[in-house]
């Protein structure tokens, strides 16, 4: 049988422990504009990911 905790850990103690576990953000260089971007994310500056542009261009609609 597993041991049981004698006292409850406070939320502050729990959050402090979890804050030290988090990973550092991994930055890479965008191959299109050479700005730092997060890994596996679309570049916020130019909208490229994997050599393709993923930003949607706005189309202006005119009333006829």
PDB file of N, CA and C in Angstrom:
ATOM      1  N   UNK A   1       0.838  -1.175   0.000  1.00  0.00           N
ATOM      2  CA  UNK A   1       0.000   0.000   0.000  1.00  0.00           C
ATOM      3  C   UNK A   1       0.887   1.243   0.000  1.00  0.00           C
ATOM      4  N   UNK A   2       0.413   2.255  -0.679  1.00  0.00           N
ATOM      5  CA  UNK A   2       1.181   3.491  -0.798  1.00  0.00           C
ATOM      6  C   UNK A   2       1.047   4.331   0.459  1.00  0.00           C
ATOM      7  N   UNK A   3       2.101   5.092   0.754  1.00  0.00           N
ATOM      8  CA  UNK A   3       2.061   5.998   1.890  1.00  0.00           C
ATOM      9  C   UNK A   3       1.163   7.186   1.607  1.00  0.00           C
ATOM     10  N   UNK A   4       0.575   7.714   2.655  1.00  0.00           N
ATOM     11  CA  UNK A   4      -0.313   8.861   2.509  1.00  0.00           C
ATOM     12  C   UNK A   4       0.360  10.093   3.116  1.00  0.00           C
ATOM     13  N   UNK A   5       0.137  11.281   2.550  1.00  0.00           N
ATOM     14  CA  UNK A   5       0.735  12.487   3.121  1.00  0.00           C
ATOM     15  C   UNK A   5       0.105  12.832   4.470  1.00  0.00           C
ATOM     16  N   UNK A   6       0.957  13.264   5.417  1.00  0.00           N
ATOM     17  CA  UNK A   6       0.448  13.606   6.745  1.00  0.00           C
ATOM     18  C   UNK A   6      -0.231  14.962   6.752  1.00  0.00           C
ATOM     19  N   UNK A   7       0.290  15.909   5.948  1.00  0.00           N
ATOM     20  CA  UNK A   7      -0.274  17.250   5.892  1.00  0.00           C
ATOM     21  C   UNK A   7      -0.442  17.662   4.435  1.00  0.00           C
ATOM     22  N   UNK A   8      -1.365  18.572   4.236  1.00  0.00           N
ATOM     23  CA  UNK A   8      -1.622  19.092   2.894  1.00  0.00           C
ATOM     24  C   UNK A   8      -0.579  20.152   2.553  1.00  0.00           C
ATOM     25  N   UNK A   9      -0.092  20.138   1.292  1.00  0.00           N
ATOM     26  CA  UNK A   9       0.827  21.182   0.836  1.00  0.00           C
ATOM     27  C   UNK A   9       0.007  22.394   0.420  1.00  0.00           C
ATOM     28  N   UNK A  10       0.479  23.575   0.795  1.00  0.00           N
ATOM     29  CA  UNK A  10      -0.241  24.800   0.444  1.00  0.00           C
ATOM     30  C   UNK A  10      -0.152  25.047  -1.057  1.00  0.00           C
ATOM     31  N   UNK A  11      -1.065  25.873  -1.565  1.00  0.00           N
ATOM     32  CA  UNK A  11      -1.074  26.169  -3.000  1.00  0.00           C
ATOM     33  C   UNK A  11       0.183  26.931  -3.400  1.00  0.00           C
ATOM     34  N   UNK A  12       0.699  27.781  -2.513  1.00  0.00           N
ATOM     35  CA  UNK A  12       1.931  28.510  -2.813  1.00  0.00           C
ATOM     36  C   UNK A  12       3.124  27.578  -2.952  1.00  0.00           C
ATOM     37  N   UNK A  13       3.201  26.606  -2.083  1.00  0.00           N
ATOM     38  CA  UNK A  13       4.295  25.635  -2.152  1.00  0.00           C
ATOM     39  C   UNK A  13       4.186  24.792  -3.417  1.00  0.00           C
ATOM     40  N   UNK A  14       2.967  24.426  -3.758  1.00  0.00           N
ATOM     41  CA  UNK A  14       2.730  23.645  -4.974  1.00  0.00           C
ATOM     42  C   UNK A  14       3.108  24.448  -6.215  1.00  0.00           C
ATOM     43  N   UNK A  15       2.688  25.723  -6.263  1.00  0.00           N
ATOM     44  CA  UNK A  15       2.971  26.558  -7.431  1.00  0.00           C
ATOM     45  C   UNK A  15       4.457  26.875  -7.557  1.00  0.00           C
ATOM     46  N   UNK A  16       5.150  27.047  -6.423  1.00  0.00           N
ATOM     47  CA  UNK A  16       6.590  27.288  -6.463  1.00  0.00           C
ATOM     48  C   UNK A  16       7.310  26.079  -7.037  1.00  0.00           C
ATOM     49  N   UNK A  17       6.896  24.903  -6.648  1.00  0.00           N
ATOM     50  CA  UNK A  17       7.503  23.678  -7.160  1.00  0.00           C
ATOM     51  C   UNK A  17       7.256  23.545  -8.659  1.00  0.00           C
ATOM     52  N   UNK A  18       6.051  23.818  -9.101  1.00  0.00           N
ATOM     53  CA  UNK A  18       5.713  23.690 -10.519  1.00  0.00           C
ATOM     54  C   UNK A  18       6.409  24.750 -11.372  1.00  0.00           C
ATOM     55  N   UNK A  19       6.664  25.925 -10.807  1.00  0.00           N
ATOM     56  CA  UNK A  19       7.312  26.997 -11.562  1.00  0.00           C
ATOM     57  C   UNK A  19       8.751  26.641 -11.906  1.00  0.00           C
ATOM     58  N   UNK A  20       9.410  25.885 -11.040  1.00  0.00           N
ATOM     59  CA  UNK A  20      10.801  25.532 -11.309  1.00  0.00           C
ATOM     60  C   UNK A  20      10.918  24.382 -12.299  1.00  0.00           C
ATOM     61  N   UNK A  21       9.828  23.680 -12.550  1.00  0.00           N
ATOM     62  CA  UNK A  21       9.849  22.529 -13.452  1.00  0.00           C
ATOM     63  C   UNK A  21       9.752  22.962 -14.906  1.00  0.00           C
ATOM     64  N   UNK A  22       9.130  24.118 -15.179  1.00  0.00           N
ATOM     65  CA  UNK A  22       8.829  24.493 -16.563  1.00  0.00           C
ATOM     66  C   UNK A  22      10.088  24.600 -17.410  1.00  0.00           C
ATOM     67  N   UNK A  23       9.941  24.341 -18.692  1.00  0.00           N
ATOM     68  CA  UNK A  23      11.064  24.322 -19.615  1.00  0.00           C
ATOM     69  C   UNK A  23      11.314  25.707 -20.190  1.00  0.00           C
ATOM     70  N   UNK A  24      12.547  25.959 -20.557  1.00  0.00           N
ATOM     71  CA  UNK A  24      12.897  27.219 -21.200  1.00  0.00           C
ATOM     72  C   UNK A  24      12.409  27.193 -22.643  1.00  0.00           C
ATOM     73  N   UNK A  25      12.016  28.344 -23.165  1.00  0.00           N
ATOM     74  CA  UNK A  25      11.525  28.438 -24.539  1.00  0.00           C
ATOM     75  C   UNK A  25      12.691  28.215 -25.487  1.00  0.00           C
ATOM     76  N   UNK A  26      12.487  27.346 -26.478  1.00  0.00           N
ATOM     77  CA  UNK A  26      13.535  27.015 -27.430  1.00  0.00           C
ATOM     78  C   UNK A  26      13.402  27.914 -28.650  1.00  0.00           C
ATOM     79  N   UNK A  27      14.355  28.826 -28.846  1.00  0.00           N
ATOM     80  CA  UNK A  27      14.301  29.758 -29.965  1.00  0.00           C
ATOM     81  C   UNK A  27      15.193  29.274 -31.098  1.00  0.00           C
ATOM     82  N   UNK A  28      14.690  29.419 -32.329  1.00  0.00           N
ATOM     83  CA  UNK A  28      15.466  29.118 -33.523  1.00  0.00           C
ATOM     84  C   UNK A  28      15.404  30.327 -34.441  1.00  0.00           C
ATOM     85  N   UNK A  29      16.192  30.305 -35.490  1.00  0.00           N
ATOM     86  CA  UNK A  29      16.218  31.413 -36.435  1.00  0.00           C
ATOM     87  C   UNK A  29      15.305  31.089 -37.606  1.00  0.00           C
ATOM     88  N   UNK A  30      14.466  32.037 -37.989  1.00  0.00           N
ATOM     89  CA  UNK A  30      13.588  31.865 -39.145  1.00  0.00           C
ATOM     90  C   UNK A  30      14.454  31.783 -40.400  1.00  0.00           C
ATOM     91  N   UNK A  31      14.169  30.806 -41.252  1.00  0.00           N
ATOM     92  CA  UNK A  31      14.966  30.623 -42.465  1.00  0.00           C
ATOM     93  C   UNK A  31      14.651  31.677 -43.514  1.00  0.00           C
ATOM     94  N   UNK A  32      13.524  32.363 -43.379  1.00  0.00           N
ATOM     95  CA  UNK A  32      13.135  33.366 -44.363  1.00  0.00           C
ATOM     96  C   UNK A  32      13.641  34.761 -43.990  1.00  0.00           C
ATOM     97  N   UNK A  33      13.408  35.183 -42.737  1.00  0.00           N
ATOM     98  CA  UNK A  33      13.759  36.557 -42.345  1.00  0.00           C
ATOM     99  C   UNK A  33      14.873  36.627 -41.299  1.00  0.00           C
ATOM    100  N   UNK A  34      15.367  35.475 -40.830  1.00  0.00           N
ATOM    101  CA  UNK A  34      16.468  35.380 -39.858  1.00  0.00           C
ATOM    102  C   UNK A  34      16.167  36.026 -38.507  1.00  0.00           C
ATOM    103  N   UNK A  35      14.889  36.168 -38.152  1.00  0.00           N
ATOM    104  CA  UNK A  35      14.507  36.668 -36.832  1.00  0.00           C
ATOM    105  C   UNK A  35      14.314  35.461 -35.903  1.00  0.00           C
ATOM    106  N   UNK A  36      14.511  35.628 -34.588  1.00  0.00           N
ATOM    107  CA  UNK A  36      14.298  34.507 -33.674  1.00  0.00           C
ATOM    108  C   UNK A  36      12.815  34.158 -33.563  1.00  0.00           C
ATOM    109  N   UNK A  37      12.511  32.863 -33.671  1.00  0.00           N
ATOM    110  CA  UNK A  37      11.138  32.373 -33.545  1.00  0.00           C
ATOM    111  C   UNK A  37      11.141  31.142 -32.658  1.00  0.00           C
ATOM    112  N   UNK A  38       9.989  30.786 -32.122  1.00  0.00           N
ATOM    113  CA  UNK A  38       9.857  29.572 -31.333  1.00  0.00           C
ATOM    114  C   UNK A  38       9.862  28.361 -32.247  1.00  0.00           C
ATOM    115  N   UNK A  39      10.398  27.258 -31.762  1.00  0.00           N
ATOM    116  CA  UNK A  39      10.447  26.034 -32.551  1.00  0.00           C
ATOM    117  C   UNK A  39       9.041  25.535 -32.842  1.00  0.00           C
ATOM    118  N   UNK A  40       8.832  24.993 -34.022  1.00  0.00           N
ATOM    119  CA  UNK A  40       7.574  24.396 -34.458  1.00  0.00           C
ATOM    120  C   UNK A  40       6.416  25.390 -34.476  1.00  0.00           C
ATOM    121  N   UNK A  41       6.719  26.683 -34.627  1.00  0.00           N
ATOM    122  CA  UNK A  41       5.686  27.713 -34.674  1.00  0.00           C
ATOM    123  C   UNK A  41       5.886  28.561 -35.921  1.00  0.00           C
ATOM    124  N   UNK A  42       4.795  29.155 -36.420  1.00  0.00           N
ATOM    125  CA  UNK A  42       4.873  30.064 -37.557  1.00  0.00           C
ATOM    126  C   UNK A  42       5.590  31.330 -37.104  1.00  0.00           C
ATOM    127  N   UNK A  43       6.451  31.868 -37.964  1.00  0.00           N
ATOM    128  CA  UNK A  43       7.185  33.091 -37.644  1.00  0.00           C
ATOM    129  C   UNK A  43       6.191  34.239 -37.494  1.00  0.00           C
ATOM    130  N   UNK A  44       6.272  34.955 -36.373  1.00  0.00           N
ATOM    131  CA  UNK A  44       5.354  36.067 -36.122  1.00  0.00           C
ATOM    132  C   UNK A  44       5.674  37.258 -37.007  1.00  0.00           C
ATOM    133  N   UNK A  45       6.904  37.339 -37.503  1.00  0.00           N
ATOM    134  CA  UNK A  45       7.316  38.481 -38.304  1.00  0.00           C
ATOM    135  C   UNK A  45       6.885  38.337 -39.764  1.00  0.00           C
ATOM    136  N   UNK A  46       7.201  37.188 -40.385  1.00  0.00           N
ATOM    137  CA  UNK A  46       6.944  37.045 -41.822  1.00  0.00           C
ATOM    138  C   UNK A  46       5.862  36.018 -42.147  1.00  0.00           C
ATOM    139  N   UNK A  47       5.476  35.151 -41.202  1.00  0.00           N
ATOM    140  CA  UNK A  47       4.405  34.189 -41.438  1.00  0.00           C
ATOM    141  C   UNK A  47       4.840  32.933 -42.166  1.00  0.00           C
ATOM    142  N   UNK A  48       6.135  32.664 -42.236  1.00  0.00           N
ATOM    143  CA  UNK A  48       6.627  31.469 -42.908  1.00  0.00           C
ATOM    144  C   UNK A  48       6.819  30.342 -41.900  1.00  0.00           C
ATOM    145  N   UNK A  49       6.595  29.109 -42.359  1.00  0.00           N
ATOM    146  CA  UNK A  49       6.893  27.914 -41.576  1.00  0.00           C
ATOM    147  C   UNK A  49       7.196  26.790 -42.547  1.00  0.00           C
ATOM    148  N   UNK A  50       8.350  26.183 -42.402  1.00  0.00           N
ATOM    149  CA  UNK A  50       8.732  25.082 -43.280  1.00  0.00           C
ATOM    150  C   UNK A  50       8.917  25.516 -44.722  1.00  0.00           C
ATOM    151  N   UNK A  51       9.331  26.757 -44.957  1.00  0.00           N
ATOM    152  CA  UNK A  51       9.562  27.248 -46.309  1.00  0.00           C
ATOM    153  C   UNK A  51       8.309  27.680 -47.042  1.00  0.00           C
ATOM    154  N   UNK A  52       7.164  27.693 -46.352  1.00  0.00           N
ATOM    155  CA  UNK A  52       5.908  28.091 -46.991  1.00  0.00           C
ATOM    156  C   UNK A  52       5.293  29.255 -46.233  1.00  0.00           C
ATOM    157  N   UNK A  53       4.649  30.161 -46.973  1.00  0.00           N
ATOM    158  CA  UNK A  53       3.960  31.283 -46.350  1.00  0.00           C
ATOM    159  C   UNK A  53       2.597  30.808 -45.869  1.00  0.00           C
ATOM    160  N   UNK A  54       2.310  30.992 -44.596  1.00  0.00           N
ATOM    161  CA  UNK A  54       1.052  30.531 -44.025  1.00  0.00           C
ATOM    162  C   UNK A  54       0.128  31.671 -43.629  1.00  0.00           C
ATOM    163  N   UNK A  55       0.550  32.914 -43.863  1.00  0.00           N
ATOM    164  CA  UNK A  55      -0.327  34.049 -43.585  1.00  0.00           C
ATOM    165  C   UNK A  55      -1.361  34.163 -44.685  1.00  0.00           C
ATOM    166  N   UNK A  56      -2.602  34.366 -44.293  1.00  0.00           N
ATOM    167  CA  UNK A  56      -3.668  34.552 -45.273  1.00  0.00           C
ATOM    168  C   UNK A  56      -3.681  36.010 -45.710  1.00  0.00           C
ATOM    169  N   UNK A  57      -3.707  36.205 -47.011  1.00  0.00           N
ATOM    170  CA  UNK A  57      -3.759  37.562 -47.537  1.00  0.00           C
ATOM    171  C   UNK A  57      -5.198  38.060 -47.497  1.00  0.00           C
ATOM    172  N   UNK A  58      -5.364  39.322 -47.135  1.00  0.00           N
ATOM    173  CA  UNK A  58      -6.700  39.906 -47.068  1.00  0.00           C
ATOM    174  C   UNK A  58      -7.159  40.263 -48.474  1.00  0.00           C
ATOM    175  N   UNK A  59      -8.390  39.883 -48.783  1.00  0.00           N
ATOM    176  CA  UNK A  59      -8.969  40.178 -50.089  1.00  0.00           C
ATOM    177  C   UNK A  59     -10.018  41.258 -49.888  1.00  0.00           C
ATOM    178  N   UNK A  60      -9.902  42.346 -50.642  1.00  0.00           N
ATOM    179  CA  UNK A  60     -10.876  43.419 -50.518  1.00  0.00           C
ATOM    180  C   UNK A  60     -12.081  43.104 -51.398  1.00  0.00           C
ATOM    181  N   UNK A  61     -13.253  43.209 -50.811  1.00  0.00           N
ATOM    182  CA  UNK A  61     -14.494  42.941 -51.525  1.00  0.00           C
ATOM    183  C   UNK A  61     -15.136  44.282 -51.861  1.00  0.00           C
ATOM    184  N   UNK A  62     -15.443  44.477 -53.129  1.00  0.00           N
ATOM    185  CA  UNK A  62     -16.114  45.707 -53.552  1.00  0.00           C
ATOM    186  C   UNK A  62     -17.557  45.383 -53.895  1.00  0.00           C
ATOM    187  N   UNK A  63     -18.441  46.288 -53.522  1.00  0.00           N
ATOM    188  CA  UNK A  63     -19.858  46.076 -53.823  1.00  0.00           C
ATOM    189  C   UNK A  63     -20.122  46.462 -55.273  1.00  0.00           C
ATOM    190  N   UNK A  64     -20.836  45.595 -55.972  1.00  0.00           N
ATOM    191  CA  UNK A  64     -21.128  45.854 -57.387  1.00  0.00           C
ATOM    192  C   UNK A  64     -22.457  46.556 -57.558  1.00  0.00           C
TER     193      UNK A  64
END
